[in-house]
C-alpha atoms as a PDB file:
ATOM      1  CA  MET A   1     -42.895 -47.285-100.890  1.00  0.00           C
ATOM      2  CA  ASN A   2     -39.667 -49.203-101.362  1.00  0.00           C
ATOM      3  CA  ILE A   3     -37.023 -48.146 -98.839  1.00  0.00           C
ATOM      4  CA  LEU A   4     -33.324 -49.054 -99.105  1.00  0.00           C
ATOM      5  CA  VAL A   5     -31.327 -49.253 -95.887  1.00  0.00           C
ATOM      6  CA  THR A   6     -27.554 -49.511 -96.183  1.00  0.00           C
ATOM      7  CA  GLY A   7     -25.262 -50.641 -93.398  1.00  0.00           C
ATOM      8  CA  ALA A   8     -28.045 -52.887 -92.192  1.00  0.00           C
ATOM      9  CA  ASN A   9     -25.786 -55.028 -89.964  1.00  0.00           C
ATOM     10  CA  GLY A  10     -24.573 -52.107 -87.864  1.00  0.00           C
ATOM     11  CA  GLN A  11     -26.056 -50.676 -84.701  1.00  0.00           C
ATOM     12  CA  LEU A  12     -28.593 -48.343 -86.362  1.00  0.00           C
ATOM     13  CA  GLY A  13     -29.210 -50.732 -89.244  1.00  0.00           C
ATOM     14  CA  ARG A  14     -30.160 -53.555 -86.905  1.00  0.00           C
ATOM     15  CA  GLU A  15     -32.666 -51.279 -85.188  1.00  0.00           C
ATOM     16  CA  MET A  16     -34.112 -50.268 -88.576  1.00  0.00           C
ATOM     17  CA  GLN A  17     -34.510 -53.975 -89.384  1.00  0.00           C
ATOM     18  CA  ARG A  18     -36.552 -54.427 -86.213  1.00  0.00           C
ATOM     19  CA  LEU A  19     -38.899 -51.544 -87.048  1.00  0.00           C
ATOM     20  CA  GLY A  20     -39.131 -52.330 -90.729  1.00  0.00           C
ATOM     21  CA  ALA A  21     -40.585 -55.758 -89.981  1.00  0.00           C
ATOM     22  CA  VAL A  22     -43.818 -54.131 -88.857  1.00  0.00           C
ATOM     23  CA  SER A  23     -44.146 -51.607 -91.653  1.00  0.00           C
ATOM     24  CA  PRO A  24     -46.562 -51.737 -94.609  1.00  0.00           C
ATOM     25  CA  ASN A  25     -43.740 -50.367 -96.723  1.00  0.00           C
ATOM     26  CA  ASN A  26     -41.111 -52.599 -98.329  1.00  0.00           C
ATOM     27  CA  TYR A  27     -37.652 -52.363 -96.740  1.00  0.00           C
ATOM     28  CA  LEU A  28     -34.598 -53.637 -98.574  1.00  0.00           C
ATOM     29  CA  PHE A  29     -31.801 -54.155 -96.074  1.00  0.00           C
ATOM     30  CA  THR A  30     -28.265 -54.345 -97.459  1.00  0.00           C
ATOM     31  CA  ASP A  31     -24.738 -54.415 -96.132  1.00  0.00           C
ATOM     32  CA  VAL A  32     -21.492 -54.616 -98.032  1.00  0.00           C
ATOM     33  CA  ALA A  33     -22.109 -58.230 -99.031  1.00  0.00           C
ATOM     34  CA  GLU A  34     -25.371 -57.247-100.813  1.00  0.00           C
ATOM     35  CA  LEU A  35     -24.418 -53.761-102.078  1.00  0.00           C
ATOM     36  CA  ASP A  36     -21.064 -52.080-102.368  1.00  0.00           C
ATOM     37  CA  ILE A  37     -21.975 -48.410-101.937  1.00  0.00           C
ATOM     38  CA  THR A  38     -18.526 -47.367-103.103  1.00  0.00           C
ATOM     39  CA  ASP A  39     -19.514 -48.634-106.583  1.00  0.00           C
ATOM     40  CA  PRO A  40     -21.626 -45.904-108.200  1.00  0.00           C
ATOM     41  CA  GLU A  41     -23.034 -48.195-110.892  1.00  0.00           C
ATOM     42  CA  ALA A  42     -24.033 -50.863-108.378  1.00  0.00           C
ATOM     43  CA  VAL A  43     -25.815 -48.196-106.285  1.00  0.00           C
ATOM     44  CA  ARG A  44     -27.603 -46.831-109.362  1.00  0.00           C
ATOM     45  CA  ARG A  45     -28.749 -50.271-110.483  1.00  0.00           C
ATOM     46  CA  CYS A  46     -30.033 -51.071-107.031  1.00  0.00           C
ATOM     47  CA  VAL A  47     -31.962 -47.848-106.675  1.00  0.00           C
ATOM     48  CA  THR A  48     -33.528 -47.902-110.132  1.00  0.00           C
ATOM     49  CA  GLY A  49     -34.042 -51.644-110.352  1.00  0.00           C
ATOM     50  CA  ASN A  50     -35.905 -51.806-107.043  1.00  0.00           C
ATOM     51  CA  ARG A  51     -37.798 -48.527-107.636  1.00  0.00           C
ATOM     52  CA  ILE A  52     -36.487 -47.111-104.385  1.00  0.00           C
ATOM     53  CA  GLY A  53     -38.398 -44.119-102.985  1.00  0.00           C
ATOM     54  CA  ALA A  54     -36.203 -43.509 -99.936  1.00  0.00           C
ATOM     55  CA  ILE A  55     -32.698 -44.419 -98.849  1.00  0.00           C
ATOM     56  CA  VAL A  56     -31.582 -44.608 -95.215  1.00  0.00           C
ATOM     57  CA  ASN A  57     -27.791 -44.573 -95.087  1.00  0.00           C
ATOM     58  CA  CYS A  58     -26.631 -46.292 -91.925  1.00  0.00           C
ATOM     59  CA  ALA A  59     -23.278 -47.218 -93.405  1.00  0.00           C
ATOM     60  CA  ALA A  60     -20.102 -45.354 -92.368  1.00  0.00           C
ATOM     61  CA  TYR A  61     -16.441 -45.664 -91.456  1.00  0.00           C
ATOM     62  CA  THR A  62     -16.661 -45.079 -87.705  1.00  0.00           C
ATOM     63  CA  ASN A  63     -13.217 -46.134 -86.350  1.00  0.00           C
ATOM     64  CA  VAL A  64     -12.116 -42.676 -85.206  1.00  0.00           C
ATOM     65  CA  GLU A  65      -8.602 -43.698 -84.288  1.00  0.00           C
ATOM     66  CA  ARG A  66      -7.870 -45.712 -87.399  1.00  0.00           C
ATOM     67  CA  ALA A  67      -9.155 -42.911 -89.604  1.00  0.00           C
ATOM     68  CA  GLU A  68      -6.174 -40.796 -88.523  1.00  0.00           C
ATOM     69  CA  GLU A  69      -3.877 -43.343 -90.221  1.00  0.00           C
ATOM     70  CA  ASP A  70      -6.143 -44.258 -93.076  1.00  0.00           C
ATOM     71  CA  GLU A  71      -8.148 -41.181 -94.037  1.00  0.00           C
ATOM     72  CA  ALA A  72      -8.378 -42.366 -97.626  1.00  0.00           C
ATOM     73  CA  THR A  73     -10.535 -45.363 -96.648  1.00  0.00           C
ATOM     74  CA  ALA A  74     -12.643 -43.257 -94.278  1.00  0.00           C
ATOM     75  CA  ASP A  75     -13.081 -40.744 -97.126  1.00  0.00           C
ATOM     76  CA  ARG A  76     -14.141 -43.482 -99.560  1.00  0.00           C
ATOM     77  CA  LEU A  77     -16.991 -44.600 -97.208  1.00  0.00           C
ATOM     78  CA  ASN A  78     -17.943 -41.349 -95.561  1.00  0.00           C
ATOM     79  CA  ARG A  79     -17.754 -39.048 -98.571  1.00  0.00           C
ATOM     80  CA  ALA A  80     -17.484 -40.832-101.938  1.00  0.00           C
ATOM     81  CA  ALA A  81     -19.986 -43.601-101.164  1.00  0.00           C
ATOM     82  CA  VAL A  82     -22.400 -41.059 -99.743  1.00  0.00           C
ATOM     83  CA  GLY A  83     -22.071 -39.099-102.974  1.00  0.00           C
ATOM     84  CA  ASN A  84     -23.010 -42.209-104.920  1.00  0.00           C
ATOM     85  CA  LEU A  85     -26.144 -42.681-102.854  1.00  0.00           C
ATOM     86  CA  ALA A  86     -27.017 -38.986-103.127  1.00  0.00           C
ATOM     87  CA  ARG A  87     -26.660 -38.890-106.936  1.00  0.00           C
ATOM     88  CA  ALA A  88     -28.705 -42.078-107.327  1.00  0.00           C
ATOM     89  CA  ALA A  89     -31.407 -40.615-105.050  1.00  0.00           C
ATOM     90  CA  ALA A  90     -31.432 -37.385-107.134  1.00  0.00           C
ATOM     91  CA  GLU A  91     -31.892 -39.348-110.372  1.00  0.00           C
ATOM     92  CA  ALA A  92     -34.717 -41.408-108.885  1.00  0.00           C
ATOM     93  CA  ASP A  93     -36.315 -38.448-107.036  1.00  0.00           C
ATOM     94  CA  ALA A  94     -35.904 -40.492-103.849  1.00  0.00           C
ATOM     95  CA  LEU A  95     -35.370 -39.157-100.365  1.00  0.00           C
ATOM     96  CA  LEU A  96     -31.906 -39.719 -98.781  1.00  0.00           C
ATOM     97  CA  VAL A  97     -31.761 -39.936 -94.989  1.00  0.00           C
ATOM     98  CA  HIS A  98     -28.091 -39.625 -94.117  1.00  0.00           C
ATOM     99  CA  VAL A  99     -26.670 -40.025 -90.606  1.00  0.00           C
ATOM    100  CA  SER A 100     -23.863 -37.696 -89.608  1.00  0.00           C
ATOM    101  CA  THR A 101     -22.038 -36.837 -86.405  1.00  0.00           C
ATOM    102  CA  ASP A 102     -21.174 -34.298 -83.699  1.00  0.00           C
ATOM    103  CA  TYR A 103     -17.515 -34.617 -84.830  1.00  0.00           C
ATOM    104  CA  VAL A 104     -18.211 -32.038 -87.577  1.00  0.00           C
ATOM    105  CA  PHE A 105     -17.921 -29.486 -84.823  1.00  0.00           C
ATOM    106  CA  ASP A 106     -14.742 -28.538 -82.916  1.00  0.00           C
ATOM    107  CA  GLY A 107     -16.210 -29.408 -79.508  1.00  0.00           C
ATOM    108  CA  CYS A 108     -15.164 -26.075 -77.972  1.00  0.00           C
ATOM    109  CA  ALA A 109     -18.691 -24.679 -77.409  1.00  0.00           C
ATOM    110  CA  SER A 110     -20.331 -24.057 -74.092  1.00  0.00           C
ATOM    111  CA  LEU A 111     -23.940 -24.169 -75.357  1.00  0.00           C
ATOM    112  CA  PRO A 112     -25.610 -26.948 -77.338  1.00  0.00           C
ATOM    113  CA  TYR A 113     -24.805 -26.872 -81.024  1.00  0.00           C
ATOM    114  CA  THR A 114     -27.536 -25.826 -83.408  1.00  0.00           C
ATOM    115  CA  GLU A 115     -27.722 -26.796 -87.119  1.00  0.00           C
ATOM    116  CA  GLU A 116     -26.610 -23.281 -88.001  1.00  0.00           C
ATOM    117  CA  ASP A 117     -23.434 -23.246 -85.928  1.00  0.00           C
ATOM    118  CA  PRO A 118     -20.198 -23.254 -87.988  1.00  0.00           C
ATOM    119  CA  THR A 119     -18.526 -26.614 -88.539  1.00  0.00           C
ATOM    120  CA  ALA A 120     -14.826 -27.114 -87.746  1.00  0.00           C
ATOM    121  CA  PRO A 121     -13.854 -30.798 -87.551  1.00  0.00           C
ATOM    122  CA  ARG A 122     -10.637 -31.589 -85.753  1.00  0.00           C
ATOM    123  CA  SER A 123     -10.213 -35.216 -86.788  1.00  0.00           C
ATOM    124  CA  ALA A 124     -10.018 -37.266 -90.023  1.00  0.00           C
ATOM    125  CA  TYR A 125     -13.305 -38.888 -89.084  1.00  0.00           C
ATOM    126  CA  GLY A 126     -14.982 -35.498 -88.597  1.00  0.00           C
ATOM    127  CA  ARG A 127     -13.564 -34.127 -91.883  1.00  0.00           C
ATOM    128  CA  THR A 128     -14.776 -37.104 -93.910  1.00  0.00           C
ATOM    129  CA  LYS A 129     -18.244 -37.031 -92.328  1.00  0.00           C
ATOM    130  CA  LEU A 130     -18.543 -33.274 -93.056  1.00  0.00           C
ATOM    131  CA  ALA A 131     -17.458 -33.950 -96.646  1.00  0.00           C
ATOM    132  CA  GLY A 132     -20.237 -36.544 -96.820  1.00  0.00           C
ATOM    133  CA  GLU A 133     -22.788 -33.956 -95.779  1.00  0.00           C
ATOM    134  CA  GLU A 134     -21.497 -31.589 -98.447  1.00  0.00           C
ATOM    135  CA  ALA A 135     -21.770 -34.269-101.074  1.00  0.00           C
ATOM    136  CA  VAL A 136     -25.446 -34.823-100.204  1.00  0.00           C
ATOM    137  CA  ARG A 137     -26.227 -31.149-100.430  1.00  0.00           C
ATOM    138  CA  ALA A 138     -24.255 -30.727-103.681  1.00  0.00           C
ATOM    139  CA  SER A 139     -26.206 -33.584-105.340  1.00  0.00           C
ATOM    140  CA  GLY A 140     -29.491 -31.718-105.203  1.00  0.00           C
ATOM    141  CA  CYS A 141     -31.347 -34.751-103.910  1.00  0.00           C
ATOM    142  CA  ARG A 142     -34.198 -34.492-101.404  1.00  0.00           C
ATOM    143  CA  HIS A 143     -32.480 -35.215 -98.109  1.00  0.00           C
ATOM    144  CA  LEU A 144     -32.542 -35.259 -94.361  1.00  0.00           C
ATOM    145  CA  ILE A 145     -29.096 -35.116 -92.703  1.00  0.00           C
ATOM    146  CA  LEU A 146     -29.369 -36.246 -89.079  1.00  0.00           C
ATOM    147  CA  ARG A 147     -26.382 -35.503 -86.876  1.00  0.00           C
ATOM    148  CA  THR A 148     -26.117 -37.647 -83.770  1.00  0.00           C
ATOM    149  CA  ALA A 149     -23.656 -38.436 -81.011  1.00  0.00           C
ATOM    150  CA  TRP A 150     -22.415 -41.107 -78.609  1.00  0.00           C
ATOM    151  CA  LEU A 151     -24.443 -43.926 -80.294  1.00  0.00           C
ATOM    152  CA  TYR A 152     -24.826 -47.307 -78.524  1.00  0.00           C
ATOM    153  CA  SER A 153     -27.091 -50.336 -78.701  1.00  0.00           C
ATOM    154  CA  GLU A 154     -27.319 -54.045 -77.968  1.00  0.00           C
ATOM    155  CA  TYR A 155     -25.327 -54.732 -81.132  1.00  0.00           C
ATOM    156  CA  GLY A 156     -21.739 -54.286 -82.203  1.00  0.00           C
ATOM    157  CA  ASN A 157     -18.967 -52.629 -80.212  1.00  0.00           C
ATOM    158  CA  ASN A 158     -19.864 -49.574 -78.226  1.00  0.00           C
ATOM    159  CA  PHE A 159     -19.210 -47.779 -74.920  1.00  0.00           C
ATOM    160  CA  LEU A 160     -22.095 -49.298 -72.979  1.00  0.00           C
ATOM    161  CA  LYS A 161     -21.094 -52.862 -73.875  1.00  0.00           C
ATOM    162  CA  THR A 162     -17.432 -52.145 -73.148  1.00  0.00           C
ATOM    163  CA  MET A 163     -18.273 -50.712 -69.709  1.00  0.00           C
ATOM    164  CA  LEU A 164     -20.453 -53.674 -68.899  1.00  0.00           C
ATOM    165  CA  ARG A 165     -17.498 -55.962 -69.618  1.00  0.00           C
ATOM    166  CA  LEU A 166     -14.829 -53.963 -67.900  1.00  0.00           C
ATOM    167  CA  THR A 167     -16.856 -53.227 -64.710  1.00  0.00           C
ATOM    168  CA  ALA A 168     -17.545 -56.943 -64.428  1.00  0.00           C
ATOM    169  CA  GLU A 169     -13.854 -57.864 -64.866  1.00  0.00           C
ATOM    170  CA  ARG A 170     -11.987 -55.169 -62.931  1.00  0.00           C
ATOM    171  CA  GLU A 171     -11.874 -53.785 -59.468  1.00  0.00           C
ATOM    172  CA  THR A 172     -10.868 -50.271 -60.628  1.00  0.00           C
ATOM    173  CA  LEU A 173     -11.457 -48.305 -63.806  1.00  0.00           C
ATOM    174  CA  ASN A 174     -10.605 -44.761 -64.944  1.00  0.00           C
ATOM    175  CA  VAL A 175     -13.010 -42.931 -67.275  1.00  0.00           C
ATOM    176  CA  VAL A 176     -12.699 -39.417 -68.672  1.00  0.00           C
ATOM    177  CA  PHE A 177     -14.900 -36.772 -67.156  1.00  0.00           C
ATOM    178  CA  ASP A 178     -13.885 -33.781 -69.325  1.00  0.00           C
ATOM    179  CA  GLN A 179     -15.808 -34.896 -72.423  1.00  0.00           C
ATOM    180  CA  VAL A 180     -19.451 -33.994 -72.195  1.00  0.00           C
ATOM    181  CA  GLY A 181     -22.344 -35.055 -74.425  1.00  0.00           C
ATOM    182  CA  THR A 182     -25.465 -37.223 -74.579  1.00  0.00           C
ATOM    183  CA  PRO A 183     -25.561 -41.038 -74.814  1.00  0.00           C
ATOM    184  CA  THR A 184     -27.911 -41.872 -77.667  1.00  0.00           C
ATOM    185  CA  TYR A 185     -29.667 -45.212 -77.993  1.00  0.00           C
ATOM    186  CA  ALA A 186     -29.665 -46.382 -81.588  1.00  0.00           C
ATOM    187  CA  GLY A 187     -33.260 -47.584 -81.182  1.00  0.00           C
ATOM    188  CA  ASP A 188     -34.375 -44.041 -80.449  1.00  0.00           C
ATOM    189  CA  LEU A 189     -32.689 -42.632 -83.571  1.00  0.00           C
ATOM    190  CA  ALA A 190     -34.117 -45.475 -85.677  1.00  0.00           C
ATOM    191  CA  LEU A 191     -37.605 -44.797 -84.341  1.00  0.00           C
ATOM    192  CA  ALA A 192     -37.273 -41.092 -85.231  1.00  0.00           C
ATOM    193  CA  ILE A 193     -36.224 -42.016 -88.820  1.00  0.00           C
ATOM    194  CA  PHE A 194     -38.970 -44.623 -89.061  1.00  0.00           C
ATOM    195  CA  SER A 195     -41.616 -42.167 -87.816  1.00  0.00           C
ATOM    196  CA  ILE A 196     -40.565 -39.554 -90.374  1.00  0.00           C
ATOM    197  CA  LEU A 197     -40.613 -42.019 -93.251  1.00  0.00           C
ATOM    198  CA  GLU A 198     -43.822 -43.830 -92.296  1.00  0.00           C
ATOM    199  CA  GLY A 199     -45.638 -40.547 -91.705  1.00  0.00           C
ATOM    200  CA  GLY A 200     -44.404 -38.911 -94.901  1.00  0.00           C
ATOM    201  CA  LEU A 201     -43.192 -36.047 -92.727  1.00  0.00           C
ATOM    202  CA  ASP A 202     -40.123 -35.223 -94.857  1.00  0.00           C
ATOM    203  CA  ARG A 203     -41.968 -33.424 -97.636  1.00  0.00           C
ATOM    204  CA  GLY A 204     -41.206 -29.742 -97.453  1.00  0.00           C
ATOM    205  CA  HIS A 205     -38.915 -30.227 -94.464  1.00  0.00           C
ATOM    206  CA  GLU A 206     -35.645 -31.336 -96.130  1.00  0.00           C
ATOM    207  CA  GLY A 207     -32.474 -30.188 -94.519  1.00  0.00           C
ATOM    208  CA  THR A 208     -30.116 -30.758 -91.592  1.00  0.00           C
ATOM    209  CA  TYR A 209     -31.287 -31.753 -88.125  1.00  0.00           C
ATOM    210  CA  HIS A 210     -29.778 -32.825 -84.819  1.00  0.00           C
ATOM    211  CA  PHE A 211     -30.891 -35.931 -82.900  1.00  0.00           C
ATOM    212  CA  SER A 212     -29.635 -37.319 -79.620  1.00  0.00           C
ATOM    213  CA  ASP A 213     -31.365 -38.433 -76.498  1.00  0.00           C
ATOM    214  CA  GLU A 214     -32.209 -35.797 -73.888  1.00  0.00           C
ATOM    215  CA  GLY A 215     -29.938 -34.818 -71.029  1.00  0.00           C
ATOM    216  CA  VAL A 216     -26.230 -34.215 -70.590  1.00  0.00           C
ATOM    217  CA  CYS A 217     -23.423 -36.185 -68.898  1.00  0.00           C
ATOM    218  CA  SER A 218     -19.723 -37.031 -69.116  1.00  0.00           C
ATOM    219  CA  TRP A 219     -18.336 -40.429 -70.138  1.00  0.00           C
ATOM    220  CA  TYR A 220     -17.527 -40.898 -66.486  1.00  0.00           C
ATOM    221  CA  ASP A 221     -21.087 -40.254 -65.410  1.00  0.00           C
ATOM    222  CA  PHE A 222     -22.400 -42.635 -68.113  1.00  0.00           C
ATOM    223  CA  ALA A 223     -19.997 -45.371 -66.947  1.00  0.00           C
ATOM    224  CA  VAL A 224     -21.105 -44.953 -63.310  1.00  0.00           C
ATOM    225  CA  GLU A 225     -24.750 -45.255 -64.285  1.00  0.00           C
ATOM    226  CA  ILE A 226     -24.075 -48.363 -66.425  1.00  0.00           C
ATOM    227  CA  ALA A 227     -22.214 -50.095 -63.628  1.00  0.00           C
ATOM    228  CA  ARG A 228     -24.852 -49.187 -61.064  1.00  0.00           C
ATOM    229  CA  ALA A 229     -27.729 -50.396 -63.191  1.00  0.00           C
ATOM    230  CA  ALA A 230     -25.931 -53.641 -63.959  1.00  0.00           C
ATOM    231  CA  GLY A 231     -25.082 -54.248 -60.277  1.00  0.00           C
ATOM    232  CA  HIS A 232     -21.339 -54.147 -60.846  1.00  0.00           C
ATOM    233  CA  ASP A 233     -20.681 -52.492 -57.474  1.00  0.00           C
ATOM    234  CA  ARG A 234     -17.338 -54.192 -56.973  1.00  0.00           C
ATOM    235  CA  CYS A 235     -15.661 -51.976 -59.578  1.00  0.00           C
ATOM    236  CA  ARG A 236     -14.493 -48.559 -58.359  1.00  0.00           C
ATOM    237  CA  ILE A 237     -14.754 -46.063 -61.191  1.00  0.00           C
ATOM    238  CA  SER A 238     -12.614 -42.923 -60.966  1.00  0.00           C
ATOM    239  CA  PRO A 239     -12.743 -39.769 -63.151  1.00  0.00           C
ATOM    240  CA  CYS A 240      -9.673 -38.834 -65.209  1.00  0.00           C
ATOM    241  CA  ARG A 241      -8.763 -36.287 -67.797  1.00  0.00           C
ATOM    242  CA  THR A 242      -8.514 -36.786 -71.498  1.00  0.00           C
ATOM    243  CA  ALA A 243      -4.859 -35.721 -71.366  1.00  0.00           C
ATOM    244  CA  ASP A 244      -4.173 -38.786 -69.166  1.00  0.00           C
ATOM    245  CA  TYR A 245      -4.988 -41.091 -72.096  1.00  0.00           C
ATOM    246  CA  PRO A 246      -3.623 -39.430 -75.319  1.00  0.00           C
ATOM    247  CA  THR A 247      -5.195 -40.508 -78.590  1.00  0.00           C
ATOM    248  CA  LYS A 248      -4.360 -39.913 -82.238  1.00  0.00           C
ATOM    249  CA  ALA A 249      -7.744 -38.355 -82.938  1.00  0.00           C
ATOM    250  CA  VAL A 250      -8.931 -35.243 -81.101  1.00  0.00           C
ATOM    251  CA  ARG A 251     -12.222 -35.999 -79.302  1.00  0.00           C
ATOM    252  CA  PRO A 252     -14.754 -33.177 -78.890  1.00  0.00           C
ATOM    253  CA  ALA A 253     -14.819 -31.890 -75.333  1.00  0.00           C
ATOM    254  CA  PHE A 254     -18.408 -30.748 -75.771  1.00  0.00           C
ATOM    255  CA  SER A 255     -20.807 -32.747 -77.963  1.00  0.00           C
ATOM    256  CA  VAL A 256     -24.256 -31.549 -76.772  1.00  0.00           C
ATOM    257  CA  LEU A 257     -26.639 -31.113 -79.696  1.00  0.00           C
ATOM    258  CA  ASP A 258     -29.663 -28.774 -79.743  1.00  0.00           C
ATOM    259  CA  LYS A 259     -32.651 -30.833 -80.907  1.00  0.00           C
ATOM    260  CA  GLY A 260     -35.249 -28.047 -80.942  1.00  0.00           C
ATOM    261  CA  LYS A 261     -35.543 -27.888 -84.721  1.00  0.00           C
ATOM    262  CA  LEU A 262     -36.257 -31.581 -85.135  1.00  0.00           C
ATOM    263  CA  LYS A 263     -38.780 -31.650 -82.271  1.00  0.00           C
ATOM    264  CA  ARG A 264     -40.639 -28.586 -83.622  1.00  0.00           C
ATOM    265  CA  THR A 265     -40.660 -29.745 -87.212  1.00  0.00           C
ATOM    266  CA  PHE A 266     -41.608 -33.419 -86.754  1.00  0.00           C
ATOM    267  CA  GLY A 267     -43.312 -33.414 -83.308  1.00  0.00           C
ATOM    268  CA  ILE A 268     -41.019 -36.202 -82.102  1.00  0.00           C
ATOM    269  CA  GLU A 269     -40.738 -36.848 -78.417  1.00  0.00           C
ATOM    270  CA  ILE A 270     -37.236 -37.840 -77.302  1.00  0.00           C
ATOM    271  CA  PRO A 271     -36.538 -39.872 -74.106  1.00  0.00           C
ATOM    272  CA  HIS A 272     -33.862 -39.036 -71.538  1.00  0.00           C
ATOM    273  CA  TRP A 273     -30.625 -40.955 -72.030  1.00  0.00           C
ATOM    274  CA  ARG A 274     -30.937 -42.687 -68.656  1.00  0.00           C
ATOM    275  CA  GLU A 275     -34.395 -44.066 -69.507  1.00  0.00           C
ATOM    276  CA  SER A 276     -33.125 -45.478 -72.772  1.00  0.00           C
ATOM    277  CA  MET A 277     -30.006 -46.909 -71.135  1.00  0.00           C
ATOM    278  CA  PHE A 278     -32.204 -48.967 -68.810  1.00  0.00           C
ATOM    279  CA  TYR A 279     -34.293 -50.135 -71.716  1.00  0.00           C
ATOM    280  CA  CYS A 280     -31.154 -51.229 -73.609  1.00  0.00           C
ATOM    281  CA  LEU A 281     -29.815 -53.092 -70.632  1.00  0.00           C
ATOM    282  CA  LYS A 282     -33.101 -54.941 -70.239  1.00  0.00           C
ATOM    283  CA  ARG A 283     -33.065 -55.958 -73.922  1.00  0.00           C
ATOM    284  CA  LEU A 284     -29.451 -57.114 -73.588  1.00  0.00           C
ATOM    285  CA  GLN A 285     -30.380 -59.264 -70.584  1.00  0.00           C
ATOM    286  CA  ALA A 286     -33.345 -60.724 -72.493  1.00  0.00           C
ATOM    287  CA  MET A 287     -31.113 -61.548 -75.491  1.00  0.00           C
ATOM    288  CA  GLN A 288     -28.585 -63.283 -73.161  1.00  0.00           C
ATOM    289  CA  ASN A 289     -31.291 -65.315 -71.504  1.00  0.00           C
ATOM    290  CA  GLN A 290     -33.015 -66.380 -74.717  1.00  0.00           C
ATOM    291  CA  PRO A 291     -30.909 -69.449 -75.519  1.00  0.00           C
ATOM    292  CA  SER A 292     -31.346 -70.998 -72.075  1.00  0.00           C
ATOM    293  CA  GLU A 293     -35.101 -70.353 -72.220  1.00  0.00           C
ATOM    294  CA  GLN A 294     -35.361 -72.230 -75.535  1.00  0.00           C
ATOM    295  CA  SER A 295     -33.267 -75.184 -74.253  1.00  0.00           C
END
């Protein structure tokens, strides 16, 4: 099978590249330089010309704060471009795996969100991501929509890498404790997608699913664990409230996702977030040591 991966230079896309290298299937990795997904004709030509059997959409506008000022650009990438991919998938009878977000919910729950819970985004980012989901469903293409939360990896800008830097530089740091969710390693999400595609598990199981790592914590708890694992004991991390650091976008106070449907349907085992955090830190260290080992 020929599999198209968009947003290949992002956190999830980079992990898909790593896995695709060992697959008997043919993966075509693209980012904006190779394929402009906001161009419907370019998307159609790519899908038909390469006889694509599955599309994994890792591309998105993810700057939550900037989206409040430029919702039009966020909408173009998170809704319109997704619609282009979905229509091309429908025409080619290809599967579309689309990654969505916990921001489609209002974050006011007290129990983990299921796929059937009502959506009520409170930010421009959440609205455009929900619109993207609706574009996928309206297209009639075979699809898997995977909602995730608190994504991080060795690549790009993310909370884990920011905390590593700040706890190494500062003696004190305040981190919010009243936002609760699950840190999710991009490598774990990529492996779930890879396992479904490689095993042909999608047939008859199209629909919306939730994926995050196991366990629950606050951003404060996550920061403390990162600093402890990295040996950054000099930095004193203190909990603070979201209200102490006002932002343009409303962040969900509760982002825990119920993953029971995905685990039952596909038989996928999901690691605890702390286990994956340690693995990511080890890979980061190995990547940092690599140049000196070669020289």
